[in-house]
Amino acid sequence: MTQQFYVSPEQLMKDRADFARKGIARGRSVVVISCADGIALVAENPSPSLHKIGEIYDKIAFAAVGKYNEFESLRQAGVRYADVRGYSYDREDVTARGLASVYAQSLGAVFTAEQKPFEVELAVAEVGPTQADDHLYRLTFDGSIADEHSFVVMGGQAEKVSSTIGAGWQAALGFADAVRLALKGLSPAAETDQPATPLPASALEVAVLDRLSESSRGSRRAFRRLNDADITALLA
């Protein structure tokens, strides 16, 4: 009769965490920035159909890095949760905090109980009437949840991108300035003293949660996705 090797719980959790971190680090970065006009969501993503950024509900958006099939299943589950809660109670009862708590429980359960953890990192953003009312939540593969302020950077060279965004972020940034700042952080740095090469519009995925959508256009939906022409015009 063969005897199974013993692995301590601490080592098992460490191995799972290292595995998930390596998978997330291979993904291209995503930036979520709170600005004066709303919340800008910018991702390096050359695919026109496999989105890293999506709409969850009226004023709530979702961004993710990692394995597409895993975070897409989480996005769809979040949409179902928001629809059921909004229908059963009230649309105002659907909040980013509630959605982030549901995601945290799901990620934590998979991390501790399943053989392989999810190789994903998520951001849930909710735009408010004022910038002080914006909510940004960051969730990691093990179910940890953090209430972020100003901006969130995930995946790829997150530390390098975060330092660039942090140096240039201001509360008074408009949407166009926020996208330019995100692009500056995402653009690959040259090996020499030459400036970084900017990414083309076709390599970017950009969306916005518009703070003025309800008052200016009479729509309760704040999410708007930009196409290549919109991104090019915005950066110009």
Protein backbone atom coordinates (compact mmCIF):
# COMPACT_ATOMS: atom_id res chain seq x y z
CA MET A 1 0.00 0.00 0.00
CA THR A 2 1.51 3.32 -1.07
CA GLN A 3 1.69 6.14 1.39
CA GLN A 4 0.84 9.65 0.27
CA PHE A 5 3.36 12.41 0.82
CA TYR A 6 2.42 14.86 3.55
CA VAL A 7 2.31 18.54 2.62
CA SER A 8 1.71 21.10 5.36
CA PRO A 9 -1.27 23.45 4.92
CA GLU A 10 1.09 26.43 4.94
CA GLN A 11 3.15 25.02 2.08
CA LEU A 12 0.03 24.04 0.14
CA MET A 13 -1.42 27.55 0.36
CA LYS A 14 1.94 29.06 -0.57
CA ASP A 15 2.23 26.84 -3.64
CA ARG A 16 -1.28 27.76 -4.76
CA ALA A 17 -0.62 31.46 -4.25
CA ASP A 18 2.65 31.32 -6.21
CA PHE A 19 0.92 29.45 -9.02
CA ALA A 20 -1.84 32.06 -9.25
CA ARG A 21 0.56 35.01 -9.09
CA LYS A 22 2.64 33.64 -11.96
CA GLY A 23 -0.44 33.21 -14.12
CA ILE A 24 -1.66 36.75 -13.38
CA ALA A 25 1.76 38.31 -14.00
CA ARG A 26 1.77 36.90 -17.54
CA GLY A 27 -1.34 38.94 -18.41
CA ARG A 28 -1.32 42.45 -19.82
CA SER A 29 -2.11 45.24 -17.40
CA VAL A 30 -5.44 46.94 -16.69
CA VAL A 31 -5.81 50.42 -15.20
CA VAL A 32 -8.91 51.85 -13.49
CA ILE A 33 -8.74 55.58 -12.67
CA SER A 34 -11.22 57.79 -10.83
CA CYS A 35 -11.31 61.25 -12.42
CA ALA A 36 -13.47 64.37 -12.47
CA ASP A 37 -15.69 63.09 -15.31
CA GLY A 38 -16.21 59.61 -13.89
CA ILE A 39 -14.12 56.44 -13.89
CA ALA A 40 -11.84 55.50 -16.80
CA LEU A 41 -11.07 51.83 -17.46
CA VAL A 42 -8.12 51.18 -19.79
CA ALA A 43 -6.63 47.80 -20.71
CA GLU A 44 -3.92 46.65 -23.06
CA ASN A 45 -5.95 44.23 -25.15
CA PRO A 46 -5.49 43.69 -28.91
CA SER A 47 -8.54 41.41 -29.16
CA PRO A 48 -11.65 43.19 -30.51
CA SER A 49 -14.09 40.68 -29.01
CA LEU A 50 -12.54 39.10 -25.88
CA HIS A 51 -13.06 41.92 -23.42
CA LYS A 52 -11.28 42.48 -20.12
CA ILE A 53 -13.67 45.31 -19.24
CA GLY A 54 -17.42 44.97 -19.03
CA GLU A 55 -20.64 46.42 -17.66
CA ILE A 56 -22.27 44.80 -14.64
CA TYR A 57 -25.15 47.13 -13.85
CA ASP A 58 -26.29 50.76 -14.14
CA LYS A 59 -23.25 52.43 -12.58
CA ILE A 60 -21.00 49.41 -11.97
CA ALA A 61 -18.21 48.11 -14.19
CA PHE A 62 -15.89 45.12 -14.04
CA ALA A 63 -12.24 44.77 -15.08
CA ALA A 64 -10.00 41.72 -14.84
CA VAL A 65 -6.65 40.19 -15.73
CA GLY A 66 -5.66 36.53 -15.92
CA LYS A 67 -7.34 33.57 -17.59
CA TYR A 68 -10.19 34.71 -19.79
CA ASN A 69 -12.51 31.73 -19.24
CA GLU A 70 -12.24 32.12 -15.45
CA PHE A 71 -12.87 35.85 -15.15
CA GLU A 72 -15.57 35.75 -17.85
CA SER A 73 -17.50 33.19 -15.79
CA LEU A 74 -17.19 35.51 -12.78
CA ARG A 75 -18.39 38.49 -14.82
CA GLN A 76 -21.47 36.58 -15.99
CA ALA A 77 -22.20 35.47 -12.43
CA GLY A 78 -21.95 39.10 -11.31
CA VAL A 79 -24.43 40.21 -13.98
CA ARG A 80 -26.90 37.53 -12.85
CA TYR A 81 -26.47 38.54 -9.20
CA ALA A 82 -27.07 42.21 -10.02
CA ASP A 83 -30.13 41.51 -12.17
CA VAL A 84 -31.76 39.28 -9.55
CA ARG A 85 -31.05 41.67 -6.69
CA GLY A 86 -32.21 44.71 -8.64
CA TYR A 87 -35.42 42.94 -9.67
CA SER A 88 -36.14 41.48 -6.22
CA TYR A 89 -35.47 44.63 -4.23
CA ASP A 90 -34.54 47.93 -5.89
CA ARG A 91 -31.99 49.05 -8.45
CA GLU A 92 -30.28 51.21 -5.82
CA ASP A 93 -29.66 48.09 -3.72
CA VAL A 94 -27.17 46.81 -6.30
CA THR A 95 -23.81 48.18 -5.14
CA ALA A 96 -20.17 47.56 -5.93
CA ARG A 97 -19.56 46.63 -2.29
CA GLY A 98 -22.18 43.88 -2.38
CA LEU A 99 -20.87 42.56 -5.67
CA ALA A 100 -17.29 42.61 -4.42
CA SER A 101 -18.32 40.64 -1.33
CA VAL A 102 -19.92 37.95 -3.50
CA TYR A 103 -16.79 37.74 -5.65
CA ALA A 104 -14.58 37.53 -2.56
CA GLN A 105 -16.59 34.57 -1.21
CA SER A 106 -16.41 32.74 -4.55
CA LEU A 107 -12.67 33.31 -5.02
CA GLY A 108 -11.91 32.36 -1.42
CA ALA A 109 -13.92 29.13 -1.69
CA VAL A 110 -12.13 28.10 -4.88
CA PHE A 111 -8.71 28.95 -3.45
CA THR A 112 -9.14 26.86 -0.31
CA ALA A 113 -11.25 23.95 -1.56
CA GLU A 114 -10.34 23.35 -5.19
CA GLN A 115 -7.18 21.75 -6.53
CA LYS A 116 -6.33 24.75 -8.73
CA PRO A 117 -7.04 28.37 -7.76
CA PHE A 118 -8.42 30.94 -10.18
CA GLU A 119 -5.62 32.79 -11.98
CA VAL A 120 -7.48 36.09 -11.94
CA GLU A 121 -7.42 39.51 -10.36
CA LEU A 122 -10.57 41.66 -10.43
CA ALA A 123 -11.60 45.28 -10.02
CA VAL A 124 -15.17 46.39 -9.37
CA ALA A 125 -15.88 50.09 -9.91
CA GLU A 126 -18.97 52.14 -9.10
CA VAL A 127 -19.32 55.77 -10.15
CA GLY A 128 -21.02 58.19 -7.77
CA PRO A 129 -22.57 61.67 -8.03
CA THR A 130 -19.24 63.16 -6.92
CA GLN A 131 -15.69 61.87 -7.05
CA ALA A 132 -15.72 61.32 -3.28
CA ASP A 133 -18.60 58.87 -3.79
CA ASP A 134 -16.71 56.68 -6.29
CA HIS A 135 -15.93 53.13 -5.13
CA LEU A 136 -13.03 51.01 -6.37
CA TYR A 137 -12.58 47.47 -5.05
CA ARG A 138 -9.68 45.19 -5.89
CA LEU A 139 -10.00 41.42 -5.44
CA THR A 140 -7.18 38.92 -5.61
CA PHE A 141 -7.15 35.21 -6.41
CA ASP A 142 -7.50 34.16 -2.75
CA GLY A 143 -10.62 36.22 -2.06
CA SER A 144 -8.84 39.15 -0.43
CA ILE A 145 -10.67 42.42 -0.99
CA ALA A 146 -9.27 45.96 -0.75
CA ASP A 147 -11.06 49.31 -0.92
CA GLU A 148 -8.81 51.33 -3.22
CA HIS A 149 -8.68 55.08 -3.74
CA SER A 150 -7.89 57.11 -6.86
CA PHE A 151 -6.80 54.22 -9.11
CA VAL A 152 -6.23 50.47 -9.43
CA VAL A 153 -3.52 48.73 -11.48
CA MET A 154 -3.55 44.96 -12.07
CA GLY A 155 -1.53 42.35 -13.94
CA GLY A 156 1.68 42.50 -15.96
CA GLN A 157 4.17 45.08 -14.68
CA ALA A 158 1.73 46.35 -12.05
CA GLU A 159 4.32 48.01 -9.81
CA LYS A 160 5.96 49.95 -12.65
CA VAL A 161 2.62 51.04 -14.09
CA SER A 162 1.32 51.98 -10.64
CA SER A 163 4.33 54.23 -9.96
CA THR A 164 3.75 56.06 -13.25
CA ILE A 165 0.03 56.50 -12.57
CA GLY A 166 0.66 57.61 -9.00
CA ALA A 167 3.13 60.28 -10.10
CA GLY A 168 0.69 61.81 -12.56
CA TRP A 169 -2.72 61.33 -10.92
CA GLN A 170 -4.72 64.34 -9.83
CA ALA A 171 -8.31 64.58 -8.69
CA ALA A 172 -9.06 67.23 -11.34
CA LEU A 173 -8.11 65.00 -14.27
CA GLY A 174 -10.66 64.86 -17.06
CA PHE A 175 -11.52 61.66 -18.86
CA ALA A 176 -9.13 62.33 -21.77
CA ASP A 177 -6.28 63.15 -19.39
CA ALA A 178 -6.96 60.01 -17.36
CA VAL A 179 -6.80 57.85 -20.51
CA ARG A 180 -3.55 59.52 -21.57
CA LEU A 181 -2.08 58.90 -18.12
CA ALA A 182 -3.11 55.24 -18.27
CA LEU A 183 -1.60 54.94 -21.74
CA LYS A 184 1.63 56.45 -20.47
CA GLY A 185 1.82 53.81 -17.77
CA LEU A 186 0.91 50.93 -20.10
CA SER A 187 3.28 51.91 -22.92
CA PRO A 188 6.40 49.71 -22.93
CA ALA A 189 9.53 51.58 -21.90
CA ALA A 190 12.43 51.59 -24.33
CA GLU A 191 15.68 49.99 -23.28
CA THR A 192 17.58 53.20 -24.03
CA ASP A 193 16.89 56.77 -22.98
CA GLN A 194 14.32 57.10 -25.77
CA PRO A 195 10.73 57.86 -24.69
CA ALA A 196 8.28 54.99 -24.33
CA THR A 197 6.55 53.83 -27.50
CA PRO A 198 2.82 54.64 -27.22
CA LEU A 199 0.38 51.82 -27.82
CA PRO A 200 -1.88 52.12 -30.89
CA ALA A 201 -5.63 52.46 -30.45
CA SER A 202 -6.13 48.96 -31.85
CA ALA A 203 -4.14 47.53 -28.91
CA LEU A 204 -6.28 49.28 -26.29
CA GLU A 205 -9.64 48.59 -24.70
CA VAL A 206 -11.17 51.71 -23.17
CA ALA A 207 -14.46 52.29 -21.38
CA VAL A 208 -15.88 54.93 -19.06
CA LEU A 209 -18.39 55.17 -16.27
CA ASP A 210 -19.79 58.62 -17.05
CA ARG A 211 -20.66 60.63 -13.97
CA LEU A 212 -23.00 62.93 -15.91
CA SER A 213 -24.88 60.25 -17.85
CA GLU A 214 -28.12 60.49 -15.91
CA SER A 215 -28.36 64.28 -15.76
CA SER A 216 -27.11 65.04 -19.29
CA ARG A 217 -28.57 62.19 -21.37
CA GLY A 218 -31.46 61.01 -19.20
CA SER A 219 -30.03 57.50 -19.01
CA ARG A 220 -29.38 55.57 -15.83
CA ARG A 221 -26.67 53.51 -17.60
CA ALA A 222 -23.28 55.11 -17.03
CA PHE A 223 -21.10 52.56 -18.87
CA ARG A 224 -19.84 53.44 -22.35
CA ARG A 225 -17.28 51.55 -24.43
CA LEU A 226 -15.04 53.44 -26.88
CA ASN A 227 -14.15 52.16 -30.34
CA ASP A 228 -10.82 52.72 -32.12
CA ALA A 229 -11.99 55.97 -33.73
CA ASP A 230 -13.12 57.35 -30.35
CA ILE A 231 -9.80 56.40 -28.74
CA THR A 232 -7.77 57.97 -31.54
CA ALA A 233 -9.77 61.19 -31.34
CA LEU A 234 -9.48 61.26 -27.57
CA LEU A 235 -5.71 60.81 -27.58
CA ALA A 236 -5.28 63.40 -30.33
